[in-house]
Amino acid sequence: IKHNKVLHERVVVLTVLIEEVPYVPEIKRVAV
């Protein structure tokens, strides 16, 4: 935004977390 001074219609801030279990259940994969 400092250099281009534009924003998309939808802006998503995405964080990837690695849990201390080997596999995460599908139902807990994504939080919005």
PDB file of all heavy atoms in Angstrom:
ATOM      1  N   ILE A   1       0.829  -1.211   0.000  1.00  0.00           N
ATOM      2  CA  ILE A   1       0.000   0.000   0.000  1.00  0.00           C
ATOM      3  C   ILE A   1       0.861   1.257   0.000  1.00  0.00           C
ATOM      4  O   ILE A   1       0.479   2.303  -0.535  1.00  0.00           O
ATOM      5  CB  ILE A   1      -0.983  -0.013   1.197  1.00  0.00           C
ATOM      6  CG1 ILE A   1      -2.126   0.964   0.936  1.00  0.00           C
ATOM      7  CG2 ILE A   1      -0.267   0.311   2.499  1.00  0.00           C
ATOM      8  CD1 ILE A   1      -3.285   0.810   1.881  1.00  0.00           C
ATOM      9  N   LYS A   2       2.083   1.135   0.541  1.00  0.00           N
ATOM     10  CA  LYS A   2       2.993   2.285   0.554  1.00  0.00           C
ATOM     11  C   LYS A   2       3.469   2.626  -0.857  1.00  0.00           C
ATOM     12  O   LYS A   2       3.524   3.801  -1.253  1.00  0.00           O
ATOM     13  CB  LYS A   2       4.185   1.978   1.458  1.00  0.00           C
ATOM     14  CG  LYS A   2       5.248   3.074   1.474  1.00  0.00           C
ATOM     15  CD  LYS A   2       6.417   2.660   2.370  1.00  0.00           C
ATOM     16  CE  LYS A   2       7.517   3.723   2.336  1.00  0.00           C
ATOM     17  NZ  LYS A   2       8.681   3.308   3.176  1.00  0.00           N
ATOM     18  N   HIS A   3       3.805   1.589  -1.630  1.00  0.00           N
ATOM     19  CA  HIS A   3       4.389   1.830  -2.947  1.00  0.00           C
ATOM     20  C   HIS A   3       3.348   1.805  -4.070  1.00  0.00           C
ATOM     21  O   HIS A   3       3.452   2.567  -5.033  1.00  0.00           O
ATOM     22  CB  HIS A   3       5.475   0.792  -3.239  1.00  0.00           C
ATOM     23  CG  HIS A   3       6.637   0.878  -2.300  1.00  0.00           C
ATOM     24  ND1 HIS A   3       7.541   1.916  -2.331  1.00  0.00           N
ATOM     25  CD2 HIS A   3       7.047   0.052  -1.289  1.00  0.00           C
ATOM     26  CE1 HIS A   3       8.459   1.742  -1.385  1.00  0.00           C
ATOM     27  NE2 HIS A   3       8.172   0.610  -0.740  1.00  0.00           N
ATOM     28  N   ASN A   4       2.372   0.902  -3.983  1.00  0.00           N
ATOM     29  CA  ASN A   4       1.388   0.774  -5.067  1.00  0.00           C
ATOM     30  C   ASN A   4       0.097   1.548  -4.824  1.00  0.00           C
ATOM     31  O   ASN A   4      -0.652   1.843  -5.759  1.00  0.00           O
ATOM     32  CB  ASN A   4       1.052  -0.707  -5.293  1.00  0.00           C
ATOM     33  CG  ASN A   4       2.277  -1.500  -5.704  1.00  0.00           C
ATOM     34  OD1 ASN A   4       3.143  -0.996  -6.414  1.00  0.00           O
ATOM     35  ND2 ASN A   4       2.342  -2.758  -5.265  1.00  0.00           N
ATOM     36  N   LYS A   5      -0.196   1.824  -3.547  1.00  0.00           N
ATOM     37  CA  LYS A   5      -1.367   2.616  -3.140  1.00  0.00           C
ATOM     38  C   LYS A   5      -2.683   2.039  -3.653  1.00  0.00           C
ATOM     39  O   LYS A   5      -3.623   2.766  -3.993  1.00  0.00           O
ATOM     40  CB  LYS A   5      -1.206   4.071  -3.603  1.00  0.00           C
ATOM     41  CG  LYS A   5      -0.021   4.773  -2.959  1.00  0.00           C
ATOM     42  CD  LYS A   5       0.106   6.199  -3.440  1.00  0.00           C
ATOM     43  CE  LYS A   5       1.204   6.915  -2.681  1.00  0.00           C
ATOM     44  NZ  LYS A   5       2.531   6.252  -2.785  1.00  0.00           N
ATOM     45  N   VAL A   6      -2.740   0.667  -3.721  1.00  0.00           N
ATOM     46  CA  VAL A   6      -3.983  -0.002  -4.114  1.00  0.00           C
ATOM     47  C   VAL A   6      -4.235  -1.187  -3.188  1.00  0.00           C
ATOM     48  O   VAL A   6      -3.307  -1.720  -2.574  1.00  0.00           O
ATOM     49  CB  VAL A   6      -3.937  -0.499  -5.582  1.00  0.00           C
ATOM     50  CG1 VAL A   6      -3.827   0.666  -6.555  1.00  0.00           C
ATOM     51  CG2 VAL A   6      -2.814  -1.488  -5.781  1.00  0.00           C
ATOM     52  N   LEU A   7      -5.512  -1.547  -3.108  1.00  0.00           N
ATOM     53  CA  LEU A   7      -5.903  -2.747  -2.375  1.00  0.00           C
ATOM     54  C   LEU A   7      -6.853  -3.550  -3.258  1.00  0.00           C
ATOM     55  O   LEU A   7      -7.674  -2.973  -3.985  1.00  0.00           O
ATOM     56  CB  LEU A   7      -6.626  -2.391  -1.071  1.00  0.00           C
ATOM     57  CG  LEU A   7      -5.783  -1.924   0.109  1.00  0.00           C
ATOM     58  CD1 LEU A   7      -6.706  -1.484   1.236  1.00  0.00           C
ATOM     59  CD2 LEU A   7      -4.854  -3.028   0.592  1.00  0.00           C
ATOM     60  N   HIS A   8      -6.758  -4.878  -3.203  1.00  0.00           N
ATOM     61  CA  HIS A   8      -7.697  -5.722  -3.932  1.00  0.00           C
ATOM     62  C   HIS A   8      -9.062  -5.695  -3.237  1.00  0.00           C
ATOM     63  O   HIS A   8      -9.175  -5.339  -2.057  1.00  0.00           O
ATOM     64  CB  HIS A   8      -7.169  -7.154  -4.020  1.00  0.00           C
ATOM     65  CG  HIS A   8      -6.014  -7.313  -4.967  1.00  0.00           C
ATOM     66  ND1 HIS A   8      -4.769  -6.815  -4.698  1.00  0.00           N
ATOM     67  CD2 HIS A   8      -5.944  -7.915  -6.193  1.00  0.00           C
ATOM     68  CE1 HIS A   8      -3.951  -7.103  -5.711  1.00  0.00           C
ATOM     69  NE2 HIS A   8      -4.647  -7.769  -6.628  1.00  0.00           N
ATOM     70  N   GLU A   9     -10.085  -6.080  -3.983  1.00  0.00           N
ATOM     71  CA  GLU A   9     -11.435  -6.097  -3.410  1.00  0.00           C
ATOM     72  C   GLU A   9     -11.508  -7.014  -2.193  1.00  0.00           C
ATOM     73  O   GLU A   9     -12.206  -6.725  -1.224  1.00  0.00           O
ATOM     74  CB  GLU A   9     -12.433  -6.572  -4.472  1.00  0.00           C
ATOM     75  CG  GLU A   9     -12.709  -5.554  -5.560  1.00  0.00           C
ATOM     76  CD  GLU A   9     -13.652  -6.094  -6.610  1.00  0.00           C
ATOM     77  OE1 GLU A   9     -13.753  -7.337  -6.759  1.00  0.00           O
ATOM     78  OE2 GLU A   9     -14.280  -5.287  -7.294  1.00  0.00           O
ATOM     79  N   ARG A  10     -10.788  -8.136  -2.277  1.00  0.00           N
ATOM     80  CA  ARG A  10     -10.747  -9.049  -1.120  1.00  0.00           C
ATOM     81  C   ARG A  10      -9.288  -9.196  -0.699  1.00  0.00           C
ATOM     82  O   ARG A  10      -8.434  -9.597  -1.484  1.00  0.00           O
ATOM     83  CB  ARG A  10     -11.345 -10.403  -1.468  1.00  0.00           C
ATOM     84  CG  ARG A  10     -11.301 -11.378  -0.302  1.00  0.00           C
ATOM     85  CD  ARG A  10     -12.119 -12.626  -0.548  1.00  0.00           C
ATOM     86  NE  ARG A  10     -11.699 -13.381  -1.719  1.00  0.00           N
ATOM     87  CZ  ARG A  10     -12.181 -14.582  -2.036  1.00  0.00           C
ATOM     88  NH1 ARG A  10     -13.104 -15.153  -1.273  1.00  0.00           N
ATOM     89  NH2 ARG A  10     -11.760 -15.205  -3.126  1.00  0.00           N
ATOM     90  N   VAL A  11      -9.020  -8.872   0.557  1.00  0.00           N
ATOM     91  CA  VAL A  11      -7.665  -8.973   1.111  1.00  0.00           C
ATOM     92  C   VAL A  11      -7.679 -10.043   2.199  1.00  0.00           C
ATOM     93  O   VAL A  11      -8.458  -9.956   3.161  1.00  0.00           O
ATOM     94  CB  VAL A  11      -7.193  -7.626   1.696  1.00  0.00           C
ATOM     95  CG1 VAL A  11      -5.816  -7.784   2.336  1.00  0.00           C
ATOM     96  CG2 VAL A  11      -7.161  -6.562   0.615  1.00  0.00           C
ATOM     97  N   VAL A  12      -6.836 -11.056   2.032  1.00  0.00           N
ATOM     98  CA  VAL A  12      -6.762 -12.164   2.989  1.00  0.00           C
ATOM     99  C   VAL A  12      -5.374 -12.173   3.632  1.00  0.00           C
ATOM    100  O   VAL A  12      -4.353 -12.196   2.930  1.00  0.00           O
ATOM    101  CB  VAL A  12      -7.014 -13.521   2.298  1.00  0.00           C
ATOM    102  CG1 VAL A  12      -6.797 -14.672   3.283  1.00  0.00           C
ATOM    103  CG2 VAL A  12      -8.417 -13.564   1.722  1.00  0.00           C
ATOM    104  N   VAL A  13      -5.347 -12.111   4.949  1.00  0.00           N
ATOM    105  CA  VAL A  13      -4.094 -12.286   5.692  1.00  0.00           C
ATOM    106  C   VAL A  13      -4.049 -13.749   6.119  1.00  0.00           C
ATOM    107  O   VAL A  13      -4.894 -14.206   6.901  1.00  0.00           O
ATOM    108  CB  VAL A  13      -4.021 -11.349   6.914  1.00  0.00           C
ATOM    109  CG1 VAL A  13      -2.738 -11.603   7.698  1.00  0.00           C
ATOM    110  CG2 VAL A  13      -4.093  -9.895   6.465  1.00  0.00           C
ATOM    111  N   LEU A  14      -3.101 -14.478   5.579  1.00  0.00           N
ATOM    112  CA  LEU A  14      -3.063 -15.940   5.761  1.00  0.00           C
ATOM    113  C   LEU A  14      -1.882 -16.345   6.634  1.00  0.00           C
ATOM    114  O   LEU A  14      -0.731 -15.984   6.365  1.00  0.00           O
ATOM    115  CB  LEU A  14      -2.944 -16.627   4.399  1.00  0.00           C
ATOM    116  CG  LEU A  14      -2.775 -18.147   4.409  1.00  0.00           C
ATOM    117  CD1 LEU A  14      -4.004 -18.823   5.008  1.00  0.00           C
ATOM    118  CD2 LEU A  14      -2.520 -18.671   3.002  1.00  0.00           C
ATOM    119  N   THR A  15      -2.167 -17.099   7.672  1.00  0.00           N
ATOM    120  CA  THR A  15      -1.132 -17.644   8.557  1.00  0.00           C
ATOM    121  C   THR A  15      -1.189 -19.161   8.509  1.00  0.00           C
ATOM    122  O   THR A  15      -2.275 -19.748   8.636  1.00  0.00           O
ATOM    123  CB  THR A  15      -1.335 -17.170  10.013  1.00  0.00           C
ATOM    124  OG1 THR A  15      -1.244 -15.740  10.047  1.00  0.00           O
ATOM    125  CG2 THR A  15      -0.269 -17.755  10.927  1.00  0.00           C
ATOM    126  N   VAL A  16      -0.051 -19.789   8.303  1.00  0.00           N
ATOM    127  CA  VAL A  16       0.048 -21.252   8.315  1.00  0.00           C
ATOM    128  C   VAL A  16       0.674 -21.671   9.635  1.00  0.00           C
ATOM    129  O   VAL A  16       1.767 -21.222   9.979  1.00  0.00           O
ATOM    130  CB  VAL A  16       0.897 -21.770   7.134  1.00  0.00           C
ATOM    131  CG1 VAL A  16       1.050 -23.279   7.214  1.00  0.00           C
ATOM    132  CG2 VAL A  16       0.260 -21.369   5.813  1.00  0.00           C
ATOM    133  N   LEU A  17      -0.018 -22.506  10.366  1.00  0.00           N
ATOM    134  CA  LEU A  17       0.485 -22.999  11.658  1.00  0.00           C
ATOM    135  C   LEU A  17       0.747 -24.492  11.571  1.00  0.00           C
ATOM    136  O   LEU A  17      -0.071 -25.244  11.045  1.00  0.00           O
ATOM    137  CB  LEU A  17      -0.531 -22.732  12.773  1.00  0.00           C
ATOM    138  CG  LEU A  17      -0.842 -21.262  13.094  1.00  0.00           C
ATOM    139  CD1 LEU A  17      -1.884 -21.188  14.201  1.00  0.00           C
ATOM    140  CD2 LEU A  17       0.416 -20.522  13.509  1.00  0.00           C
ATOM    141  N   ILE A  18       1.873 -24.907  12.101  1.00  0.00           N
ATOM    142  CA  ILE A  18       2.181 -26.328  12.194  1.00  0.00           C
ATOM    143  C   ILE A  18       1.939 -26.760  13.625  1.00  0.00           C
ATOM    144  O   ILE A  18       2.569 -26.262  14.550  1.00  0.00           O
ATOM    145  CB  ILE A  18       3.647 -26.616  11.803  1.00  0.00           C
ATOM    146  CG1 ILE A  18       3.921 -26.072  10.406  1.00  0.00           C
ATOM    147  CG2 ILE A  18       3.915 -28.107  11.863  1.00  0.00           C
ATOM    148  CD1 ILE A  18       2.982 -26.590   9.349  1.00  0.00           C
ATOM    149  N   GLU A  19       1.003 -27.678  13.790  1.00  0.00           N
ATOM    150  CA  GLU A  19       0.652 -28.148  15.121  1.00  0.00           C
ATOM    151  C   GLU A  19       1.581 -29.277  15.554  1.00  0.00           C
ATOM    152  O   GLU A  19       2.254 -29.903  14.733  1.00  0.00           O
ATOM    153  CB  GLU A  19      -0.807 -28.624  15.136  1.00  0.00           C
ATOM    154  CG  GLU A  19      -1.811 -27.576  14.682  1.00  0.00           C
ATOM    155  CD  GLU A  19      -1.913 -26.404  15.631  1.00  0.00           C
ATOM    156  OE1 GLU A  19      -1.362 -26.488  16.750  1.00  0.00           O
ATOM    157  OE2 GLU A  19      -2.540 -25.389  15.257  1.00  0.00           O
ATOM    158  N   GLU A  20       1.588 -29.539  16.836  1.00  0.00           N
ATOM    159  CA  GLU A  20       2.472 -30.562  17.386  1.00  0.00           C
ATOM    160  C   GLU A  20       1.799 -31.937  17.391  1.00  0.00           C
ATOM    161  O   GLU A  20       1.905 -32.703  18.341  1.00  0.00           O
ATOM    162  CB  GLU A  20       2.938 -30.151  18.782  1.00  0.00           C
ATOM    163  CG  GLU A  20       3.843 -28.921  18.700  1.00  0.00           C
ATOM    164  CD  GLU A  20       4.279 -28.404  20.047  1.00  0.00           C
ATOM    165  OE1 GLU A  20       3.515 -28.578  21.023  1.00  0.00           O
ATOM    166  OE2 GLU A  20       5.364 -27.823  20.131  1.00  0.00           O
ATOM    167  N   VAL A  21       1.076 -32.201  16.315  1.00  0.00           N
ATOM    168  CA  VAL A  21       0.502 -33.519  16.044  1.00  0.00           C
ATOM    169  C   VAL A  21       0.871 -33.863  14.604  1.00  0.00           C
ATOM    170  O   VAL A  21       1.089 -32.963  13.781  1.00  0.00           O
ATOM    171  CB  VAL A  21      -1.042 -33.535  16.221  1.00  0.00           C
ATOM    172  CG1 VAL A  21      -1.431 -33.380  17.670  1.00  0.00           C
ATOM    173  CG2 VAL A  21      -1.687 -32.451  15.367  1.00  0.00           C
ATOM    174  N   PRO A  22       0.973 -35.143  14.264  1.00  0.00           N
ATOM    175  CA  PRO A  22       1.377 -35.487  12.896  1.00  0.00           C
ATOM    176  C   PRO A  22       0.354 -35.090  11.836  1.00  0.00           C
ATOM    177  O   PRO A  22       0.725 -34.705  10.727  1.00  0.00           O
ATOM    178  CB  PRO A  22       1.576 -37.003  12.946  1.00  0.00           C
ATOM    179  CG  PRO A  22       0.970 -37.481  14.213  1.00  0.00           C
ATOM    180  CD  PRO A  22       0.908 -36.323  15.139  1.00  0.00           C
ATOM    181  N   TYR A  23      -0.942 -35.203  12.160  1.00  0.00           N
ATOM    182  CA  TYR A  23      -1.992 -34.878  11.190  1.00  0.00           C
ATOM    183  C   TYR A  23      -3.092 -34.095  11.887  1.00  0.00           C
ATOM    184  O   TYR A  23      -3.457 -34.404  13.026  1.00  0.00           O
ATOM    185  CB  TYR A  23      -2.587 -36.150  10.568  1.00  0.00           C
ATOM    186  CG  TYR A  23      -1.566 -36.967   9.811  1.00  0.00           C
ATOM    187  CD1 TYR A  23      -0.864 -37.983  10.451  1.00  0.00           C
ATOM    188  CD2 TYR A  23      -1.302 -36.708   8.476  1.00  0.00           C
ATOM    189  CE1 TYR A  23       0.092 -38.726   9.773  1.00  0.00           C
ATOM    190  CE2 TYR A  23      -0.352 -37.443   7.787  1.00  0.00           C
ATOM    191  CZ  TYR A  23       0.340 -38.449   8.438  1.00  0.00           C
ATOM    192  OH  TYR A  23       1.292 -39.178   7.766  1.00  0.00           O
ATOM    193  N   VAL A  24      -3.615 -33.095  11.207  1.00  0.00           N
ATOM    194  CA  VAL A  24      -4.710 -32.285  11.737  1.00  0.00           C
ATOM    195  C   VAL A  24      -6.015 -32.760  11.101  1.00  0.00           C
ATOM    196  O   VAL A  24      -6.072 -32.941   9.880  1.00  0.00           O
ATOM    197  CB  VAL A  24      -4.478 -30.788  11.430  1.00  0.00           C
ATOM    198  CG1 VAL A  24      -5.728 -29.965  11.730  1.00  0.00           C
ATOM    199  CG2 VAL A  24      -3.299 -30.266  12.239  1.00  0.00           C
ATOM    200  N   PRO A  25      -7.069 -32.981  11.882  1.00  0.00           N
ATOM    201  CA  PRO A  25      -8.350 -33.401  11.307  1.00  0.00           C
ATOM    202  C   PRO A  25      -8.851 -32.375  10.297  1.00  0.00           C
ATOM    203  O   PRO A  25      -8.642 -31.167  10.456  1.00  0.00           O
ATOM    204  CB  PRO A  25      -9.278 -33.480  12.521  1.00  0.00           C
ATOM    205  CG  PRO A  25      -8.377 -33.579  13.697  1.00  0.00           C
ATOM    206  CD  PRO A  25      -7.128 -32.857  13.341  1.00  0.00           C
ATOM    207  N   GLU A  26      -9.513 -32.850   9.259  1.00  0.00           N
ATOM    208  CA  GLU A  26      -9.987 -31.962   8.201  1.00  0.00           C
ATOM    209  C   GLU A  26     -10.902 -30.863   8.742  1.00  0.00           C
ATOM    210  O   GLU A  26     -10.868 -29.730   8.266  1.00  0.00           O
ATOM    211  CB  GLU A  26     -10.736 -32.783   7.140  1.00  0.00           C
ATOM    212  CG  GLU A  26      -9.897 -33.865   6.468  1.00  0.00           C
ATOM    213  CD  GLU A  26      -8.730 -33.289   5.683  1.00  0.00           C
ATOM    214  OE1 GLU A  26      -8.795 -32.108   5.310  1.00  0.00           O
ATOM    215  OE2 GLU A  26      -7.758 -34.017   5.448  1.00  0.00           O
ATOM    216  N   ILE A  27     -11.697 -31.205   9.744  1.00  0.00           N
ATOM    217  CA  ILE A  27     -12.660 -30.230  10.269  1.00  0.00           C
ATOM    218  C   ILE A  27     -11.973 -29.067  10.970  1.00  0.00           C
ATOM    219  O   ILE A  27     -12.550 -27.997  11.158  1.00  0.00           O
ATOM    220  CB  ILE A  27     -13.662 -30.940  11.212  1.00  0.00           C
ATOM    221  CG1 ILE A  27     -14.878 -30.058  11.445  1.00  0.00           C
ATOM    222  CG2 ILE A  27     -12.983 -31.319  12.531  1.00  0.00           C
ATOM    223  CD1 ILE A  27     -15.995 -30.744  12.189  1.00  0.00           C
ATOM    224  N   LYS A  28     -10.707 -29.257  11.367  1.00  0.00           N
ATOM    225  CA  LYS A  28      -9.973 -28.196  12.057  1.00  0.00           C
ATOM    226  C   LYS A  28      -8.877 -27.590  11.182  1.00  0.00           C
ATOM    227  O   LYS A  28      -8.014 -26.870  11.670  1.00  0.00           O
ATOM    228  CB  LYS A  28      -9.363 -28.733  13.353  1.00  0.00           C
ATOM    229  CG  LYS A  28     -10.411 -29.182  14.359  1.00  0.00           C
ATOM    230  CD  LYS A  28      -9.804 -29.519  15.693  1.00  0.00           C
ATOM    231  CE  LYS A  28     -10.893 -29.896  16.694  1.00  0.00           C
ATOM    232  NZ  LYS A  28     -10.349 -30.210  18.025  1.00  0.00           N
ATOM    233  N   ARG A  29      -8.932 -27.887   9.892  1.00  0.00           N
ATOM    234  CA  ARG A  29      -7.884 -27.416   8.976  1.00  0.00           C
ATOM    235  C   ARG A  29      -7.884 -25.903   8.822  1.00  0.00           C
ATOM    236  O   ARG A  29      -6.846 -25.257   8.859  1.00  0.00           O
ATOM    237  CB  ARG A  29      -8.081 -28.071   7.604  1.00  0.00           C
ATOM    238  CG  ARG A  29      -7.125 -27.596   6.529  1.00  0.00           C
ATOM    239  CD  ARG A  29      -5.772 -28.204   6.693  1.00  0.00           C
ATOM    240  NE  ARG A  29      -5.824 -29.617   6.363  1.00  0.00           N
ATOM    241  CZ  ARG A  29      -5.002 -30.533   6.848  1.00  0.00           C
ATOM    242  NH1 ARG A  29      -4.066 -30.182   7.703  1.00  0.00           N
ATOM    243  NH2 ARG A  29      -5.107 -31.809   6.520  1.00  0.00           N
ATOM    244  N   VAL A  30      -9.074 -25.301   8.629  1.00  0.00           N
ATOM    245  CA  VAL A  30      -9.160 -23.889   8.253  1.00  0.00           C
ATOM    246  C   VAL A  30     -10.048 -23.134   9.237  1.00  0.00           C
ATOM    247  O   VAL A  30     -11.129 -23.594   9.591  1.00  0.00           O
ATOM    248  CB  VAL A  30      -9.742 -23.734   6.826  1.00  0.00           C
ATOM    249  CG1 VAL A  30      -9.766 -22.260   6.428  1.00  0.00           C
ATOM    250  CG2 VAL A  30      -8.929 -24.535   5.829  1.00  0.00           C
ATOM    251  N   ALA A  31      -9.567 -21.985   9.673  1.00  0.00           N
ATOM    252  CA  ALA A  31     -10.371 -21.072  10.491  1.00  0.00           C
ATOM    253  C   ALA A  31     -10.406 -19.717   9.802  1.00  0.00           C
ATOM    254  O   ALA A  31      -9.356 -19.182   9.415  1.00  0.00           O
ATOM    255  CB  ALA A  31      -9.783 -20.939  11.887  1.00  0.00           C
ATOM    256  N   VAL A  32     -11.609 -19.153   9.624  1.00  0.00           N
ATOM    257  CA  VAL A  32     -11.784 -17.893   8.901  1.00  0.00           C
ATOM    258  C   VAL A  32     -12.382 -16.851   9.830  1.00  0.00           C
ATOM    259  O   VAL A  32     -13.367 -17.116  10.531  1.00  0.00           O
ATOM    260  CB  VAL A  32     -12.703 -18.084   7.667  1.00  0.00           C
ATOM    261  CG1 VAL A  32     -12.874 -16.762   6.921  1.00  0.00           C
ATOM    262  CG2 VAL A  32     -12.157 -19.155   6.743  1.00  0.00           C
TER     263      VAL A  32
END
